[in-house]
Amino acid sequence: DKVLALPVYLPVAAWWLGGPAGWAL
């Protein structure tokens, strides 16, 4: 559960990311 927090919460950074960097998530 602790490790799974990484892929679950990381994509929230897409709020600030655009273009290819955002689509990587």
PDB file of all heavy atoms in Angstrom:
ATOM      1  N   ASP A   1       0.824  -1.207   0.000  1.00  0.00           N
ATOM      2  CA  ASP A   1       0.000   0.000   0.000  1.00  0.00           C
ATOM      3  C   ASP A   1       0.857   1.254   0.000  1.00  0.00           C
ATOM      4  O   ASP A   1       0.527   2.251  -0.666  1.00  0.00           O
ATOM      5  CB  ASP A   1      -0.929  -0.008   1.218  1.00  0.00           C
ATOM      6  CG  ASP A   1      -2.103  -0.957   1.038  1.00  0.00           C
ATOM      7  OD1 ASP A   1      -2.399  -1.309  -0.112  1.00  0.00           O
ATOM      8  OD2 ASP A   1      -2.716  -1.348   2.051  1.00  0.00           O
ATOM      9  N   LYS A   2       1.948   1.223   0.755  1.00  0.00           N
ATOM     10  CA  LYS A   2       2.842   2.380   0.766  1.00  0.00           C
ATOM     11  C   LYS A   2       3.490   2.594  -0.603  1.00  0.00           C
ATOM     12  O   LYS A   2       3.584   3.716  -1.104  1.00  0.00           O
ATOM     13  CB  LYS A   2       3.924   2.188   1.833  1.00  0.00           C
ATOM     14  CG  LYS A   2       3.457   2.467   3.251  1.00  0.00           C
ATOM     15  CD  LYS A   2       3.111   3.934   3.420  1.00  0.00           C
ATOM     16  CE  LYS A   2       2.716   4.264   4.833  1.00  0.00           C
ATOM     17  NZ  LYS A   2       2.359   5.708   4.984  1.00  0.00           N
ATOM     18  N   VAL A   3       3.934   1.503  -1.208  1.00  0.00           N
ATOM     19  CA  VAL A   3       4.594   1.615  -2.515  1.00  0.00           C
ATOM     20  C   VAL A   3       3.595   2.034  -3.591  1.00  0.00           C
ATOM     21  O   VAL A   3       3.915   2.830  -4.490  1.00  0.00           O
ATOM     22  CB  VAL A   3       5.272   0.285  -2.884  1.00  0.00           C
ATOM     23  CG1 VAL A   3       5.845   0.339  -4.296  1.00  0.00           C
ATOM     24  CG2 VAL A   3       6.375  -0.037  -1.882  1.00  0.00           C
ATOM     25  N   LEU A   4       2.375   1.532  -3.511  1.00  0.00           N
ATOM     26  CA  LEU A   4       1.369   1.862  -4.518  1.00  0.00           C
ATOM     27  C   LEU A   4       0.950   3.329  -4.463  1.00  0.00           C
ATOM     28  O   LEU A   4       0.325   3.828  -5.410  1.00  0.00           O
ATOM     29  CB  LEU A   4       0.144   0.967  -4.336  1.00  0.00           C
ATOM     30  CG  LEU A   4       0.317  -0.486  -4.783  1.00  0.00           C
ATOM     31  CD1 LEU A   4      -0.890  -1.315  -4.370  1.00  0.00           C
ATOM     32  CD2 LEU A   4       0.522  -0.558  -6.288  1.00  0.00           C
ATOM     33  N   ALA A   5       1.267   3.999  -3.354  1.00  0.00           N
ATOM     34  CA  ALA A   5       0.958   5.426  -3.287  1.00  0.00           C
ATOM     35  C   ALA A   5       1.694   6.212  -4.369  1.00  0.00           C
ATOM     36  O   ALA A   5       1.224   7.266  -4.810  1.00  0.00           O
ATOM     37  CB  ALA A   5       1.316   5.972  -1.902  1.00  0.00           C
ATOM     38  N   LEU A   6       2.837   5.683  -4.814  1.00  0.00           N
ATOM     39  CA  LEU A   6       3.616   6.388  -5.844  1.00  0.00           C
ATOM     40  C   LEU A   6       2.836   6.552  -7.144  1.00  0.00           C
ATOM     41  O   LEU A   6       2.597   7.677  -7.588  1.00  0.00           O
ATOM     42  CB  LEU A   6       4.931   5.648  -6.091  1.00  0.00           C
ATOM     43  CG  LEU A   6       5.898   5.554  -4.911  1.00  0.00           C
ATOM     44  CD1 LEU A   6       7.047   4.619  -5.271  1.00  0.00           C
ATOM     45  CD2 LEU A   6       6.422   6.919  -4.550  1.00  0.00           C
ATOM     46  N   PRO A   7       2.412   5.453  -7.805  1.00  0.00           N
ATOM     47  CA  PRO A   7       1.693   5.635  -9.066  1.00  0.00           C
ATOM     48  C   PRO A   7       0.283   6.188  -8.898  1.00  0.00           C
ATOM     49  O   PRO A   7      -0.297   6.674  -9.863  1.00  0.00           O
ATOM     50  CB  PRO A   7       1.643   4.218  -9.655  1.00  0.00           C
ATOM     51  CG  PRO A   7       1.761   3.308  -8.480  1.00  0.00           C
ATOM     52  CD  PRO A   7       2.651   4.031  -7.516  1.00  0.00           C
ATOM     53  N   VAL A   8      -0.265   6.114  -7.689  1.00  0.00           N
ATOM     54  CA  VAL A   8      -1.618   6.635  -7.488  1.00  0.00           C
ATOM     55  C   VAL A   8      -1.609   8.154  -7.355  1.00  0.00           C
ATOM     56  O   VAL A   8      -2.441   8.853  -7.940  1.00  0.00           O
ATOM     57  CB  VAL A   8      -2.260   5.982  -6.246  1.00  0.00           C
ATOM     58  CG1 VAL A   8      -3.567   6.684  -5.892  1.00  0.00           C
ATOM     59  CG2 VAL A   8      -2.528   4.502  -6.509  1.00  0.00           C
ATOM     60  N   TYR A   9      -0.679   8.693  -6.579  1.00  0.00           N
ATOM     61  CA  TYR A   9      -0.670  10.135  -6.314  1.00  0.00           C
ATOM     62  C   TYR A   9       0.207  10.933  -7.278  1.00  0.00           C
ATOM     63  O   TYR A   9      -0.009  12.129  -7.466  1.00  0.00           O
ATOM     64  CB  TYR A   9      -0.200  10.398  -4.874  1.00  0.00           C
ATOM     65  CG  TYR A   9      -1.211   9.998  -3.838  1.00  0.00           C
ATOM     66  CD1 TYR A   9      -1.148   8.761  -3.208  1.00  0.00           C
ATOM     67  CD2 TYR A   9      -2.246  10.859  -3.479  1.00  0.00           C
ATOM     68  CE1 TYR A   9      -2.079   8.380  -2.253  1.00  0.00           C
ATOM     69  CE2 TYR A   9      -3.184  10.494  -2.522  1.00  0.00           C
ATOM     70  CZ  TYR A   9      -3.097   9.244  -1.912  1.00  0.00           C
ATOM     71  OH  TYR A   9      -4.026   8.875  -0.977  1.00  0.00           O
ATOM     72  N   LEU A  10       1.204  10.287  -7.889  1.00  0.00           N
ATOM     73  CA  LEU A  10       2.124  11.010  -8.772  1.00  0.00           C
ATOM     74  C   LEU A  10       1.428  11.733  -9.923  1.00  0.00           C
ATOM     75  O   LEU A  10       1.778  12.879 -10.232  1.00  0.00           O
ATOM     76  CB  LEU A  10       3.176  10.042  -9.317  1.00  0.00           C
ATOM     77  CG  LEU A  10       4.186  10.615 -10.311  1.00  0.00           C
ATOM     78  CD1 LEU A  10       5.003  11.721  -9.660  1.00  0.00           C
ATOM     79  CD2 LEU A  10       5.091   9.511 -10.852  1.00  0.00           C
ATOM     80  N   PRO A  11       0.424  11.139 -10.598  1.00  0.00           N
ATOM     81  CA  PRO A  11      -0.170  11.831 -11.747  1.00  0.00           C
ATOM     82  C   PRO A  11      -0.869  13.141 -11.423  1.00  0.00           C
ATOM     83  O   PRO A  11      -1.220  13.884 -12.344  1.00  0.00           O
ATOM     84  CB  PRO A  11      -1.180  10.792 -12.286  1.00  0.00           C
ATOM     85  CG  PRO A  11      -0.657   9.480 -11.832  1.00  0.00           C
ATOM     86  CD  PRO A  11      -0.077   9.754 -10.480  1.00  0.00           C
ATOM     87  N   VAL A  12      -1.091  13.448 -10.142  1.00  0.00           N
ATOM     88  CA  VAL A  12      -1.676  14.749  -9.817  1.00  0.00           C
ATOM     89  C   VAL A  12      -0.765  15.871 -10.293  1.00  0.00           C
ATOM     90  O   VAL A  12      -1.218  16.996 -10.557  1.00  0.00           O
ATOM     91  CB  VAL A  12      -1.933  14.842  -8.292  1.00  0.00           C
ATOM     92  CG1 VAL A  12      -2.439  16.225  -7.904  1.00  0.00           C
ATOM     93  CG2 VAL A  12      -2.957  13.785  -7.872  1.00  0.00           C
ATOM     94  N   ALA A  13       0.524  15.581 -10.438  1.00  0.00           N
ATOM     95  CA  ALA A  13       1.453  16.582 -10.969  1.00  0.00           C
ATOM     96  C   ALA A  13       1.100  16.997 -12.385  1.00  0.00           C
ATOM     97  O   ALA A  13       1.567  18.044 -12.867  1.00  0.00           O
ATOM     98  CB  ALA A  13       2.878  16.038 -10.928  1.00  0.00           C
ATOM     99  N   ALA A  14       0.267  16.221 -13.072  1.00  0.00           N
ATOM    100  CA  ALA A  14      -0.157  16.589 -14.427  1.00  0.00           C
ATOM    101  C   ALA A  14      -0.942  17.894 -14.450  1.00  0.00           C
ATOM    102  O   ALA A  14      -1.123  18.486 -15.517  1.00  0.00           O
ATOM    103  CB  ALA A  14      -1.000  15.460 -15.034  1.00  0.00           C
ATOM    104  N   TRP A  15      -1.394  18.349 -13.284  1.00  0.00           N
ATOM    105  CA  TRP A  15      -2.095  19.631 -13.217  1.00  0.00           C
ATOM    106  C   TRP A  15      -1.186  20.775 -13.687  1.00  0.00           C
ATOM    107  O   TRP A  15      -1.656  21.757 -14.245  1.00  0.00           O
ATOM    108  CB  TRP A  15      -2.562  19.884 -11.793  1.00  0.00           C
ATOM    109  CG  TRP A  15      -3.363  21.133 -11.615  1.00  0.00           C
ATOM    110  CD1 TRP A  15      -2.951  22.319 -11.093  1.00  0.00           C
ATOM    111  CD2 TRP A  15      -4.741  21.333 -11.976  1.00  0.00           C
ATOM    112  NE1 TRP A  15      -3.966  23.239 -11.092  1.00  0.00           N
ATOM    113  CE2 TRP A  15      -5.087  22.656 -11.625  1.00  0.00           C
ATOM    114  CE3 TRP A  15      -5.712  20.513 -12.559  1.00  0.00           C
ATOM    115  CZ2 TRP A  15      -6.352  23.163 -11.831  1.00  0.00           C
ATOM    116  CZ3 TRP A  15      -6.980  21.022 -12.772  1.00  0.00           C
ATOM    117  CH2 TRP A  15      -7.290  22.336 -12.402  1.00  0.00           C
ATOM    118  N   TRP A  16       0.128  20.630 -13.445  1.00  0.00           N
ATOM    119  CA  TRP A  16       1.080  21.661 -13.852  1.00  0.00           C
ATOM    120  C   TRP A  16       1.832  21.296 -15.126  1.00  0.00           C
ATOM    121  O   TRP A  16       2.548  22.129 -15.670  1.00  0.00           O
ATOM    122  CB  TRP A  16       2.102  21.903 -12.733  1.00  0.00           C
ATOM    123  CG  TRP A  16       1.501  22.506 -11.508  1.00  0.00           C
ATOM    124  CD1 TRP A  16       1.055  23.787 -11.350  1.00  0.00           C
ATOM    125  CD2 TRP A  16       1.273  21.853 -10.265  1.00  0.00           C
ATOM    126  NE1 TRP A  16       0.568  23.972 -10.081  1.00  0.00           N
ATOM    127  CE2 TRP A  16       0.684  22.798  -9.384  1.00  0.00           C
ATOM    128  CE3 TRP A  16       1.503  20.560  -9.782  1.00  0.00           C
ATOM    129  CZ2 TRP A  16       0.333  22.494  -8.082  1.00  0.00           C
ATOM    130  CZ3 TRP A  16       1.150  20.259  -8.480  1.00  0.00           C
ATOM    131  CH2 TRP A  16       0.568  21.213  -7.650  1.00  0.00           C
ATOM    132  N   LEU A  17       1.724  20.054 -15.551  1.00  0.00           N
ATOM    133  CA  LEU A  17       2.504  19.598 -16.698  1.00  0.00           C
ATOM    134  C   LEU A  17       1.655  19.607 -17.967  1.00  0.00           C
ATOM    135  O   LEU A  17       0.485  19.234 -17.947  1.00  0.00           O
ATOM    136  CB  LEU A  17       3.041  18.181 -16.456  1.00  0.00           C
ATOM    137  CG  LEU A  17       3.996  18.009 -15.269  1.00  0.00           C
ATOM    138  CD1 LEU A  17       4.361  16.540 -15.116  1.00  0.00           C
ATOM    139  CD2 LEU A  17       5.250  18.855 -15.466  1.00  0.00           C
ATOM    140  N   GLY A  18       2.254  19.989 -19.053  1.00  0.00           N
ATOM    141  CA  GLY A  18       1.582  19.953 -20.336  1.00  0.00           C
ATOM    142  C   GLY A  18       2.473  19.310 -21.386  1.00  0.00           C
ATOM    143  O   GLY A  18       3.659  19.055 -21.146  1.00  0.00           O
ATOM    144  N   GLY A  19       1.927  19.048 -22.555  1.00  0.00           N
ATOM    145  CA  GLY A  19       2.710  18.490 -23.638  1.00  0.00           C
ATOM    146  C   GLY A  19       3.163  17.070 -23.366  1.00  0.00           C
ATOM    147  O   GLY A  19       2.513  16.312 -22.630  1.00  0.00           O
ATOM    148  N   PRO A  20       4.292  16.675 -23.913  1.00  0.00           N
ATOM    149  CA  PRO A  20       4.775  15.292 -23.762  1.00  0.00           C
ATOM    150  C   PRO A  20       5.018  14.893 -22.308  1.00  0.00           C
ATOM    151  O   PRO A  20       4.814  13.743 -21.934  1.00  0.00           O
ATOM    152  CB  PRO A  20       6.087  15.299 -24.567  1.00  0.00           C
ATOM    153  CG  PRO A  20       5.950  16.433 -25.525  1.00  0.00           C
ATOM    154  CD  PRO A  20       5.140  17.468 -24.818  1.00  0.00           C
ATOM    155  N   ALA A  21       5.483  15.847 -21.481  1.00  0.00           N
ATOM    156  CA  ALA A  21       5.737  15.519 -20.077  1.00  0.00           C
ATOM    157  C   ALA A  21       4.451  15.094 -19.385  1.00  0.00           C
ATOM    158  O   ALA A  21       4.442  14.167 -18.565  1.00  0.00           O
ATOM    159  CB  ALA A  21       6.361  16.714 -19.370  1.00  0.00           C
ATOM    160  N   GLY A  22       3.345  15.752 -19.691  1.00  0.00           N
ATOM    161  CA  GLY A  22       2.076  15.380 -19.081  1.00  0.00           C
ATOM    162  C   GLY A  22       1.556  14.050 -19.593  1.00  0.00           C
ATOM    163  O   GLY A  22       1.075  13.215 -18.832  1.00  0.00           O
ATOM    164  N   TRP A  23       1.684  13.832 -20.893  1.00  0.00           N
ATOM    165  CA  TRP A  23       1.171  12.588 -21.479  1.00  0.00           C
ATOM    166  C   TRP A  23       1.952  11.366 -21.006  1.00  0.00           C
ATOM    167  O   TRP A  23       1.464  10.238 -21.116  1.00  0.00           O
ATOM    168  CB  TRP A  23       1.224  12.681 -23.000  1.00  0.00           C
ATOM    169  CG  TRP A  23       0.067  13.457 -23.569  1.00  0.00           C
ATOM    170  CD1 TRP A  23       0.087  14.730 -24.049  1.00  0.00           C
ATOM    171  CD2 TRP A  23      -1.283  13.005 -23.692  1.00  0.00           C
ATOM    172  NE1 TRP A  23      -1.161  15.113 -24.463  1.00  0.00           N
ATOM    173  CE2 TRP A  23      -2.030  14.070 -24.259  1.00  0.00           C
ATOM    174  CE3 TRP A  23      -1.940  11.821 -23.370  1.00  0.00           C
ATOM    175  CZ2 TRP A  23      -3.386  13.984 -24.507  1.00  0.00           C
ATOM    176  CZ3 TRP A  23      -3.306  11.726 -23.631  1.00  0.00           C
ATOM    177  CH2 TRP A  23      -4.012  12.787 -24.187  1.00  0.00           C
ATOM    178  N   ALA A  24       3.146  11.568 -20.492  1.00  0.00           N
ATOM    179  CA  ALA A  24       3.912  10.430 -19.974  1.00  0.00           C
ATOM    180  C   ALA A  24       3.207   9.764 -18.797  1.00  0.00           C
ATOM    181  O   ALA A  24       3.468   8.594 -18.493  1.00  0.00           O
ATOM    182  CB  ALA A  24       5.307  10.893 -19.559  1.00  0.00           C
ATOM    183  N   LEU A  25       2.304  10.495 -18.139  1.00  0.00           N
ATOM    184  CA  LEU A  25       1.560   9.947 -17.006  1.00  0.00           C
ATOM    185  C   LEU A  25       0.226   9.332 -17.424  1.00  0.00           C
ATOM    186  O   LEU A  25      -0.509   8.826 -16.574  1.00  0.00           O
ATOM    187  CB  LEU A  25       1.301  11.047 -15.963  1.00  0.00           C
ATOM    188  CG  LEU A  25       2.550  11.687 -15.357  1.00  0.00           C
ATOM    189  CD1 LEU A  25       2.158  12.884 -14.495  1.00  0.00           C
ATOM    190  CD2 LEU A  25       3.313  10.664 -14.522  1.00  0.00           C
TER     191      LEU A  25
END
